[in-house]
């Protein structure tokens, strides 16, 4: 059993007809931008559990681009008692189709993007300073690279922990 792909327009029609739209993204992603009709149920909460869909016979899952939904298609389909669909292209395709979203620009960027921006900036800074000031600054780029490899292997990202403690993220978590 797997998810049937569904275009944004077809998904919108199914929602009008009573289907449930489920956003499987993380809470920080959902807080910044979402489809108004979607219920937020992060992927981690769906793992191995049956989804309560009420009277709805169809469930449509979505993420930002469709990749997470495709990667978890088997588990998502298994959590649904009725017909299960994947929104092709996710939230990005929904927006490209001109369909409405709720956006809150006061929410911080999602944590994974903050990590990418910070890590990339430190690598560039280390490379530039290493080329212009002292070769010792190349160690900064190496340190960040080692941190990213460690995060990928262990699942623990120290930079993400530091960023979570930043005032803009603490304020968002307190809501």
N, C-alpha and C. Protein backbone atom coordinates (compact mmCIF):
# COMPACT_ATOMS: atom_id res chain seq x y z
N UNK A 1 0.86 -1.18 0.00
CA UNK A 1 0.00 0.00 0.00
C UNK A 1 0.90 1.24 0.00
N UNK A 2 0.60 2.18 -0.87
CA UNK A 2 1.38 3.40 -0.96
C UNK A 2 0.45 4.57 -1.19
N UNK A 3 1.03 5.76 -1.29
CA UNK A 3 0.23 6.97 -1.49
C UNK A 3 0.04 7.23 -2.98
N UNK A 4 -1.17 7.59 -3.35
CA UNK A 4 -1.46 7.95 -4.73
C UNK A 4 -1.11 9.43 -4.93
N UNK A 5 -0.38 9.78 -5.97
CA UNK A 5 -0.03 11.19 -6.19
C UNK A 5 -1.27 12.00 -6.59
N UNK A 6 -1.30 13.25 -6.15
CA UNK A 6 -2.45 14.11 -6.38
C UNK A 6 -1.97 15.52 -6.68
N UNK A 7 -2.46 16.13 -7.74
CA UNK A 7 -2.08 17.51 -8.07
C UNK A 7 -2.71 18.46 -7.06
N UNK A 8 -2.17 19.67 -6.93
CA UNK A 8 -2.76 20.63 -5.99
C UNK A 8 -4.24 20.92 -6.28
N UNK A 9 -4.60 21.05 -7.56
CA UNK A 9 -6.00 21.33 -7.90
C UNK A 9 -6.90 20.16 -7.51
N UNK A 10 -6.46 18.95 -7.78
CA UNK A 10 -7.25 17.77 -7.42
C UNK A 10 -7.33 17.64 -5.90
N UNK A 11 -6.25 17.97 -5.21
CA UNK A 11 -6.25 17.92 -3.74
C UNK A 11 -7.26 18.92 -3.18
N UNK A 12 -7.27 20.12 -3.73
CA UNK A 12 -8.21 21.14 -3.27
C UNK A 12 -9.64 20.65 -3.43
N UNK A 13 -9.94 20.01 -4.56
CA UNK A 13 -11.30 19.50 -4.78
C UNK A 13 -11.64 18.39 -3.79
N UNK A 14 -10.68 17.51 -3.53
CA UNK A 14 -10.93 16.44 -2.54
C UNK A 14 -11.16 17.02 -1.15
N UNK A 15 -10.44 18.09 -0.81
CA UNK A 15 -10.63 18.74 0.49
C UNK A 15 -12.04 19.32 0.58
N UNK A 16 -12.49 19.96 -0.49
CA UNK A 16 -13.86 20.49 -0.54
C UNK A 16 -14.87 19.35 -0.37
N UNK A 17 -14.54 18.18 -0.91
CA UNK A 17 -15.43 17.02 -0.81
C UNK A 17 -15.31 16.27 0.52
N UNK A 18 -14.44 16.77 1.44
CA UNK A 18 -14.36 16.18 2.77
C UNK A 18 -13.09 15.45 3.12
N UNK A 19 -12.10 15.45 2.25
CA UNK A 19 -10.82 14.80 2.59
C UNK A 19 -10.09 15.62 3.65
N UNK A 20 -9.23 14.95 4.39
CA UNK A 20 -8.42 15.60 5.41
C UNK A 20 -7.02 15.82 4.85
N UNK A 21 -6.50 17.03 5.00
CA UNK A 21 -5.15 17.37 4.56
C UNK A 21 -4.25 17.37 5.79
N UNK A 22 -3.16 16.61 5.75
CA UNK A 22 -2.25 16.48 6.88
C UNK A 22 -0.88 17.02 6.50
N UNK A 23 -0.38 17.98 7.28
CA UNK A 23 0.95 18.56 7.12
C UNK A 23 1.90 17.79 8.02
N UNK A 24 2.88 17.09 7.42
CA UNK A 24 3.78 16.24 8.21
C UNK A 24 5.08 16.95 8.57
N UNK A 25 5.20 18.24 8.26
CA UNK A 25 6.44 18.97 8.52
C UNK A 25 6.61 19.25 10.02
N UNK A 26 7.79 19.71 10.38
CA UNK A 26 8.09 20.05 11.78
C UNK A 26 7.30 21.31 12.18
N UNK A 27 7.15 21.49 13.47
CA UNK A 27 6.36 22.61 13.99
C UNK A 27 6.90 23.97 13.56
N UNK A 28 8.23 24.12 13.51
CA UNK A 28 8.79 25.42 13.13
C UNK A 28 8.49 25.75 11.67
N UNK A 29 8.44 24.73 10.82
CA UNK A 29 8.10 24.95 9.41
C UNK A 29 6.63 25.34 9.27
N UNK A 30 5.77 24.63 10.00
CA UNK A 30 4.34 24.88 9.95
C UNK A 30 3.99 26.26 10.50
N UNK A 31 4.70 26.71 11.50
CA UNK A 31 4.40 28.01 12.11
C UNK A 31 4.66 29.16 11.15
N UNK A 32 5.63 29.01 10.28
CA UNK A 32 6.01 30.10 9.36
C UNK A 32 5.10 30.16 8.14
N UNK A 33 4.69 29.00 7.63
CA UNK A 33 3.85 28.97 6.43
C UNK A 33 3.10 27.65 6.37
N UNK A 34 1.79 27.73 6.06
CA UNK A 34 0.98 26.52 6.04
C UNK A 34 -0.26 26.71 5.17
N UNK A 35 -0.87 25.60 4.83
CA UNK A 35 -2.16 25.60 4.14
C UNK A 35 -3.22 25.65 5.23
N UNK A 36 -4.12 26.61 5.12
CA UNK A 36 -5.10 26.85 6.19
C UNK A 36 -5.92 25.61 6.55
N UNK A 37 -6.29 24.82 5.56
CA UNK A 37 -7.16 23.66 5.81
C UNK A 37 -6.41 22.46 6.39
N UNK A 38 -5.10 22.52 6.44
CA UNK A 38 -4.31 21.36 6.85
C UNK A 38 -4.26 21.21 8.37
N UNK A 39 -4.33 19.95 8.81
CA UNK A 39 -4.06 19.61 10.21
C UNK A 39 -2.58 19.34 10.31
N UNK A 40 -1.96 19.85 11.37
CA UNK A 40 -0.53 19.63 11.55
C UNK A 40 -0.31 18.41 12.43
N UNK A 41 0.27 17.38 11.84
CA UNK A 41 0.65 16.17 12.57
C UNK A 41 2.06 15.81 12.09
N UNK A 42 3.10 16.22 12.85
CA UNK A 42 4.47 15.95 12.41
C UNK A 42 4.72 14.46 12.19
N UNK A 43 5.59 14.18 11.25
CA UNK A 43 5.91 12.80 10.88
C UNK A 43 6.28 11.96 12.09
N UNK A 44 7.03 12.55 13.03
CA UNK A 44 7.45 11.80 14.21
C UNK A 44 6.26 11.30 15.02
N UNK A 45 5.15 12.03 15.02
CA UNK A 45 3.96 11.61 15.76
C UNK A 45 3.17 10.53 15.03
N UNK A 46 3.35 10.45 13.72
CA UNK A 46 2.60 9.46 12.94
C UNK A 46 3.25 8.09 12.95
N UNK A 47 4.52 8.02 13.26
CA UNK A 47 5.27 6.76 13.16
C UNK A 47 4.59 5.65 13.96
N UNK A 48 4.11 4.65 13.24
CA UNK A 48 3.54 3.47 13.88
C UNK A 48 2.18 3.65 14.51
N UNK A 49 1.52 4.78 14.28
CA UNK A 49 0.22 5.01 14.91
C UNK A 49 -0.85 5.15 13.84
N UNK A 50 -2.07 4.76 14.19
CA UNK A 50 -3.20 4.96 13.29
C UNK A 50 -3.65 6.42 13.43
N UNK A 51 -3.93 7.03 12.31
CA UNK A 51 -4.33 8.43 12.27
C UNK A 51 -5.84 8.53 12.45
N UNK A 52 -6.28 9.38 13.38
CA UNK A 52 -7.71 9.61 13.58
C UNK A 52 -8.19 10.58 12.51
N UNK A 53 -9.03 10.08 11.61
CA UNK A 53 -9.49 10.92 10.49
C UNK A 53 -10.97 11.25 10.58
N UNK A 54 -11.63 10.81 11.63
CA UNK A 54 -13.05 11.09 11.75
C UNK A 54 -13.84 10.41 10.64
N UNK A 55 -14.76 11.15 10.04
CA UNK A 55 -15.61 10.59 8.99
C UNK A 55 -14.95 10.64 7.62
N UNK A 56 -13.80 11.26 7.52
CA UNK A 56 -13.14 11.41 6.21
C UNK A 56 -12.71 10.05 5.67
N UNK A 57 -13.01 9.83 4.40
CA UNK A 57 -12.61 8.57 3.75
C UNK A 57 -11.29 8.72 3.04
N UNK A 58 -10.82 9.95 2.87
CA UNK A 58 -9.56 10.18 2.16
C UNK A 58 -8.66 11.11 2.97
N UNK A 59 -7.36 10.82 2.92
CA UNK A 59 -6.36 11.63 3.61
C UNK A 59 -5.30 12.01 2.59
N UNK A 60 -4.93 13.30 2.62
CA UNK A 60 -3.88 13.80 1.73
C UNK A 60 -2.73 14.27 2.61
N UNK A 61 -1.54 13.75 2.38
CA UNK A 61 -0.37 14.14 3.15
C UNK A 61 0.47 15.12 2.34
N UNK A 62 1.12 16.06 3.05
CA UNK A 62 2.03 16.96 2.36
C UNK A 62 3.16 17.41 3.27
N UNK A 63 4.27 17.79 2.61
CA UNK A 63 5.41 18.41 3.27
C UNK A 63 5.74 19.65 2.44
N UNK A 64 6.95 20.15 2.50
CA UNK A 64 7.27 21.36 1.73
C UNK A 64 7.39 21.08 0.24
N UNK A 65 8.20 20.07 -0.13
CA UNK A 65 8.46 19.83 -1.55
C UNK A 65 7.90 18.50 -2.07
N UNK A 66 7.44 17.66 -1.19
CA UNK A 66 6.95 16.34 -1.57
C UNK A 66 7.94 15.22 -1.30
N UNK A 67 9.21 15.57 -1.04
CA UNK A 67 10.24 14.54 -0.83
C UNK A 67 10.00 13.73 0.45
N UNK A 68 9.75 14.40 1.57
CA UNK A 68 9.53 13.67 2.83
C UNK A 68 8.29 12.79 2.73
N UNK A 69 7.27 13.30 2.05
CA UNK A 69 6.06 12.51 1.90
C UNK A 69 6.35 11.25 1.10
N UNK A 70 7.09 11.39 0.00
CA UNK A 70 7.46 10.21 -0.81
C UNK A 70 8.33 9.24 -0.02
N UNK A 71 9.29 9.77 0.73
CA UNK A 71 10.20 8.90 1.49
C UNK A 71 9.46 8.12 2.58
N UNK A 72 8.39 8.67 3.09
CA UNK A 72 7.63 8.02 4.17
C UNK A 72 6.29 7.48 3.69
N UNK A 73 6.14 7.28 2.39
CA UNK A 73 4.85 6.91 1.81
C UNK A 73 4.27 5.64 2.42
N UNK A 74 5.08 4.63 2.62
CA UNK A 74 4.57 3.36 3.17
C UNK A 74 4.01 3.55 4.57
N UNK A 75 4.75 4.23 5.42
CA UNK A 75 4.30 4.44 6.80
C UNK A 75 3.06 5.33 6.84
N UNK A 76 3.03 6.35 6.00
CA UNK A 76 1.86 7.24 5.97
C UNK A 76 0.62 6.50 5.49
N UNK A 77 0.77 5.73 4.44
CA UNK A 77 -0.36 4.97 3.92
C UNK A 77 -0.86 3.97 4.96
N UNK A 78 0.06 3.37 5.69
CA UNK A 78 -0.32 2.39 6.72
C UNK A 78 -1.05 3.02 7.90
N UNK A 79 -0.84 4.32 8.11
CA UNK A 79 -1.48 4.99 9.24
C UNK A 79 -2.90 5.45 8.91
N UNK A 80 -3.34 5.22 7.68
CA UNK A 80 -4.61 5.74 7.21
C UNK A 80 -5.58 4.60 6.91
N UNK A 81 -6.80 4.65 7.48
CA UNK A 81 -7.75 3.58 7.23
C UNK A 81 -8.38 3.62 5.83
N UNK A 82 -8.45 4.78 5.21
CA UNK A 82 -9.09 4.90 3.90
C UNK A 82 -8.10 5.17 2.80
N UNK A 83 -8.54 5.91 1.79
CA UNK A 83 -7.69 6.27 0.67
C UNK A 83 -6.63 7.26 1.13
N UNK A 84 -5.39 7.05 0.68
CA UNK A 84 -4.28 7.91 1.09
C UNK A 84 -3.61 8.49 -0.15
N UNK A 85 -3.37 9.80 -0.10
CA UNK A 85 -2.79 10.51 -1.23
C UNK A 85 -1.59 11.34 -0.78
N UNK A 86 -0.74 11.67 -1.75
CA UNK A 86 0.39 12.57 -1.51
C UNK A 86 0.19 13.79 -2.41
N UNK A 87 0.27 14.97 -1.82
CA UNK A 87 0.20 16.21 -2.59
C UNK A 87 1.48 16.33 -3.39
N UNK A 88 1.39 16.17 -4.70
CA UNK A 88 2.57 16.25 -5.56
C UNK A 88 3.22 17.63 -5.45
N UNK A 89 4.51 17.64 -5.15
CA UNK A 89 5.24 18.91 -5.03
C UNK A 89 5.02 19.63 -3.72
N UNK A 90 4.18 19.09 -2.84
CA UNK A 90 3.96 19.63 -1.52
C UNK A 90 3.48 21.08 -1.50
N UNK A 91 3.82 21.77 -0.42
CA UNK A 91 3.43 23.16 -0.23
C UNK A 91 3.95 24.05 -1.35
N UNK A 92 5.14 23.77 -1.84
CA UNK A 92 5.71 24.57 -2.94
C UNK A 92 4.81 24.52 -4.18
N UNK A 93 4.33 23.34 -4.54
CA UNK A 93 3.46 23.20 -5.71
C UNK A 93 2.10 23.85 -5.45
N UNK A 94 1.61 23.74 -4.23
CA UNK A 94 0.34 24.37 -3.85
C UNK A 94 0.42 25.88 -4.10
N UNK A 95 1.53 26.48 -3.66
CA UNK A 95 1.72 27.92 -3.86
C UNK A 95 1.89 28.25 -5.34
N UNK A 96 2.65 27.44 -6.07
CA UNK A 96 2.85 27.68 -7.51
C UNK A 96 1.55 27.59 -8.28
N UNK A 97 0.61 26.80 -7.78
CA UNK A 97 -0.70 26.69 -8.43
C UNK A 97 -1.59 27.88 -8.10
N UNK A 98 -1.08 28.80 -7.28
CA UNK A 98 -1.85 29.99 -6.93
C UNK A 98 -2.87 29.77 -5.83
N UNK A 99 -2.74 28.66 -5.13
CA UNK A 99 -3.68 28.36 -4.04
C UNK A 99 -3.21 29.05 -2.76
N UNK A 100 -4.15 29.41 -1.88
CA UNK A 100 -3.80 30.24 -0.73
C UNK A 100 -3.03 29.50 0.37
N UNK A 101 -2.15 30.24 1.02
CA UNK A 101 -1.43 29.76 2.20
C UNK A 101 -1.51 30.83 3.28
N UNK A 102 -1.30 30.41 4.50
CA UNK A 102 -1.22 31.31 5.63
C UNK A 102 0.26 31.47 5.94
N UNK A 103 0.76 32.69 5.87
CA UNK A 103 2.19 32.94 6.13
C UNK A 103 2.32 33.88 7.32
N UNK A 104 3.28 33.58 8.18
CA UNK A 104 3.57 34.43 9.33
C UNK A 104 5.06 34.74 9.33
N UNK A 105 5.41 35.85 8.69
CA UNK A 105 6.82 36.24 8.56
C UNK A 105 7.44 36.62 9.89
N UNK A 106 6.64 36.77 10.95
CA UNK A 106 7.21 37.09 12.26
C UNK A 106 7.84 35.84 12.89
N UNK A 107 7.52 34.66 12.39
CA UNK A 107 8.11 33.43 12.90
C UNK A 107 9.52 33.29 12.34
N UNK A 108 10.44 32.77 13.11
CA UNK A 108 11.81 32.58 12.60
C UNK A 108 11.84 31.54 11.49
N UNK A 109 12.90 31.61 10.68
CA UNK A 109 13.11 30.57 9.68
C UNK A 109 13.19 29.23 10.37
N UNK A 110 12.84 28.17 9.66
CA UNK A 110 12.92 26.86 10.28
C UNK A 110 14.38 26.57 10.66
N UNK A 111 14.54 25.83 11.72
CA UNK A 111 15.85 25.60 12.32
C UNK A 111 16.86 25.01 11.34
N UNK A 112 16.43 24.09 10.49
CA UNK A 112 17.37 23.48 9.55
C UNK A 112 17.94 24.54 8.60
N UNK A 113 17.13 25.50 8.18
CA UNK A 113 17.64 26.57 7.32
C UNK A 113 18.58 27.48 8.09
N UNK A 114 18.29 27.75 9.36
CA UNK A 114 19.20 28.56 10.16
C UNK A 114 20.56 27.88 10.28
N UNK A 115 20.55 26.56 10.48
CA UNK A 115 21.81 25.82 10.57
C UNK A 115 22.57 25.91 9.25
N UNK A 116 21.88 25.75 8.14
CA UNK A 116 22.54 25.83 6.84
C UNK A 116 23.16 27.21 6.62
N UNK A 117 22.42 28.25 6.96
CA UNK A 117 22.93 29.62 6.79
C UNK A 117 24.15 29.86 7.67
N UNK A 118 24.05 29.47 8.95
CA UNK A 118 25.15 29.70 9.88
C UNK A 118 26.39 28.88 9.49
N UNK A 119 26.20 27.60 9.19
CA UNK A 119 27.34 26.75 8.84
C UNK A 119 27.98 27.23 7.54
N UNK A 120 27.18 27.52 6.55
CA UNK A 120 27.71 28.01 5.28
C UNK A 120 28.47 29.31 5.45
N UNK A 121 27.94 30.21 6.27
CA UNK A 121 28.60 31.49 6.52
C UNK A 121 29.95 31.29 7.21
N UNK A 122 30.00 30.37 8.17
CA UNK A 122 31.27 30.13 8.86
C UNK A 122 32.30 29.49 7.94
N UNK A 123 31.87 28.61 7.05
CA UNK A 123 32.80 28.00 6.09
C UNK A 123 33.36 29.07 5.16
N UNK A 124 32.50 29.92 4.62
CA UNK A 124 32.95 31.00 3.73
C UNK A 124 33.87 31.94 4.48
N UNK A 125 33.50 32.32 5.71
CA UNK A 125 34.34 33.21 6.51
C UNK A 125 35.72 32.61 6.74
N UNK A 126 35.76 31.32 7.10
CA UNK A 126 37.04 30.65 7.31
C UNK A 126 37.89 30.62 6.06
N UNK A 127 37.25 30.38 4.91
CA UNK A 127 37.99 30.34 3.65
C UNK A 127 38.53 31.71 3.27
N UNK A 128 37.70 32.75 3.42
CA UNK A 128 38.13 34.11 3.06
C UNK A 128 39.23 34.58 4.00
N UNK A 129 39.03 34.41 5.31
CA UNK A 129 40.05 34.84 6.26
C UNK A 129 41.33 34.01 6.12
N UNK A 130 41.16 32.71 5.79
CA UNK A 130 42.33 31.86 5.58
C UNK A 130 43.14 32.30 4.37
N UNK A 131 42.47 32.81 3.35
CA UNK A 131 43.17 33.25 2.14
C UNK A 131 43.75 34.65 2.27
N UNK A 132 43.15 35.49 3.13
CA UNK A 132 43.58 36.89 3.20
C UNK A 132 44.33 37.27 4.47
N UNK A 133 44.02 36.63 5.58
CA UNK A 133 44.62 37.04 6.86
C UNK A 133 45.67 36.04 7.33
N UNK A 134 45.23 34.80 7.54
CA UNK A 134 46.14 33.77 8.03
C UNK A 134 45.60 32.41 7.65
N UNK A 135 46.46 31.50 7.22
CA UNK A 135 45.99 30.16 6.87
C UNK A 135 45.36 29.43 8.05
N UNK A 136 45.61 29.87 9.25
CA UNK A 136 45.03 29.24 10.43
C UNK A 136 43.50 29.35 10.44
N UNK A 137 42.95 30.34 9.75
CA UNK A 137 41.49 30.49 9.71
C UNK A 137 40.82 29.38 8.91
N UNK A 138 41.58 28.65 8.10
CA UNK A 138 41.00 27.51 7.39
C UNK A 138 40.52 26.45 8.38
N UNK A 139 41.07 26.47 9.60
CA UNK A 139 40.65 25.53 10.63
C UNK A 139 39.16 25.73 10.98
N UNK A 140 38.67 26.97 10.88
CA UNK A 140 37.26 27.22 11.14
C UNK A 140 36.39 26.44 10.16
N UNK A 141 36.74 26.48 8.88
CA UNK A 141 35.99 25.72 7.87
C UNK A 141 36.06 24.23 8.16
N UNK A 142 37.24 23.75 8.52
CA UNK A 142 37.40 22.34 8.86
C UNK A 142 36.58 21.95 10.08
N UNK A 143 36.58 22.81 11.09
CA UNK A 143 35.81 22.55 12.31
C UNK A 143 34.32 22.44 11.99
N UNK A 144 33.82 23.34 11.18
CA UNK A 144 32.40 23.30 10.80
C UNK A 144 32.11 22.02 10.02
N UNK A 145 32.99 21.65 9.10
CA UNK A 145 32.82 20.42 8.33
C UNK A 145 32.76 19.20 9.22
N UNK A 146 33.67 19.12 10.19
CA UNK A 146 33.66 18.00 11.14
C UNK A 146 32.36 17.99 11.93
N UNK A 147 31.89 19.16 12.34
CA UNK A 147 30.63 19.26 13.08
C UNK A 147 29.45 18.76 12.26
N UNK A 148 29.44 19.09 10.98
CA UNK A 148 28.35 18.63 10.12
C UNK A 148 28.39 17.12 9.90
N UNK A 149 29.59 16.58 9.73
CA UNK A 149 29.72 15.12 9.59
C UNK A 149 29.26 14.43 10.87
N UNK A 150 29.69 14.96 12.01
CA UNK A 150 29.27 14.39 13.29
C UNK A 150 27.75 14.45 13.45
N UNK A 151 27.15 15.58 13.06
CA UNK A 151 25.69 15.73 13.16
C UNK A 151 24.98 14.71 12.27
N UNK A 152 25.52 14.49 11.08
CA UNK A 152 24.91 13.51 10.18
C UNK A 152 25.01 12.09 10.69
N UNK A 153 26.13 11.76 11.30
CA UNK A 153 26.33 10.40 11.81
C UNK A 153 25.57 10.15 13.10
N UNK A 154 25.63 11.12 14.02
CA UNK A 154 25.07 10.90 15.35
C UNK A 154 23.64 11.38 15.52
N UNK A 155 23.20 12.30 14.68
CA UNK A 155 21.87 12.87 14.87
C UNK A 155 21.86 14.03 15.85
N UNK A 156 23.00 14.38 16.41
CA UNK A 156 23.12 15.50 17.34
C UNK A 156 23.83 16.64 16.64
N UNK A 157 23.18 17.80 16.58
CA UNK A 157 23.79 18.98 15.95
C UNK A 157 23.96 20.06 17.01
N UNK A 158 25.20 20.28 17.40
CA UNK A 158 25.50 21.30 18.40
C UNK A 158 25.11 22.69 17.94
N UNK A 159 25.31 22.98 16.65
CA UNK A 159 24.94 24.29 16.12
C UNK A 159 23.43 24.51 16.23
N UNK A 160 22.64 23.48 15.97
CA UNK A 160 21.18 23.60 16.11
C UNK A 160 20.82 23.90 17.57
N UNK A 161 21.50 23.25 18.49
CA UNK A 161 21.24 23.51 19.92
C UNK A 161 21.55 24.95 20.29
N UNK A 162 22.66 25.47 19.77
CA UNK A 162 23.04 26.86 20.03
C UNK A 162 21.99 27.80 19.43
N UNK A 163 21.57 27.51 18.20
CA UNK A 163 20.58 28.37 17.54
C UNK A 163 19.23 28.32 18.24
N UNK A 164 18.86 27.18 18.79
CA UNK A 164 17.59 27.09 19.53
C UNK A 164 17.60 28.00 20.74
N UNK A 165 18.77 28.26 21.31
CA UNK A 165 18.87 29.12 22.49
C UNK A 165 18.89 30.61 22.14
N UNK A 166 18.93 30.93 20.87
CA UNK A 166 18.96 32.34 20.46
C UNK A 166 17.62 33.01 20.78
N UNK A 167 17.64 34.29 21.09
CA UNK A 167 16.41 34.98 21.52
C UNK A 167 15.24 34.85 20.54
N UNK A 168 15.49 34.93 19.23
CA UNK A 168 14.38 34.86 18.28
C UNK A 168 13.73 33.49 18.28
N UNK A 169 14.50 32.43 18.54
CA UNK A 169 13.92 31.09 18.60
C UNK A 169 13.28 30.82 19.96
N UNK A 170 13.86 31.31 21.02
CA UNK A 170 13.24 31.13 22.35
C UNK A 170 11.89 31.79 22.40
N UNK A 171 11.78 32.98 21.82
CA UNK A 171 10.51 33.70 21.80
C UNK A 171 9.47 32.91 21.00
N UNK A 172 9.86 32.32 19.89
CA UNK A 172 8.94 31.55 19.07
C UNK A 172 8.49 30.27 19.78
N UNK A 173 9.41 29.62 20.52
CA UNK A 173 9.06 28.41 21.24
C UNK A 173 8.14 28.68 22.42
N UNK A 174 8.20 29.88 22.97
CA UNK A 174 7.39 30.22 24.14
C UNK A 174 5.93 30.42 23.77
N UNK A 175 5.63 30.62 22.48
CA UNK A 175 4.23 30.86 22.06
C UNK A 175 3.39 29.64 22.17
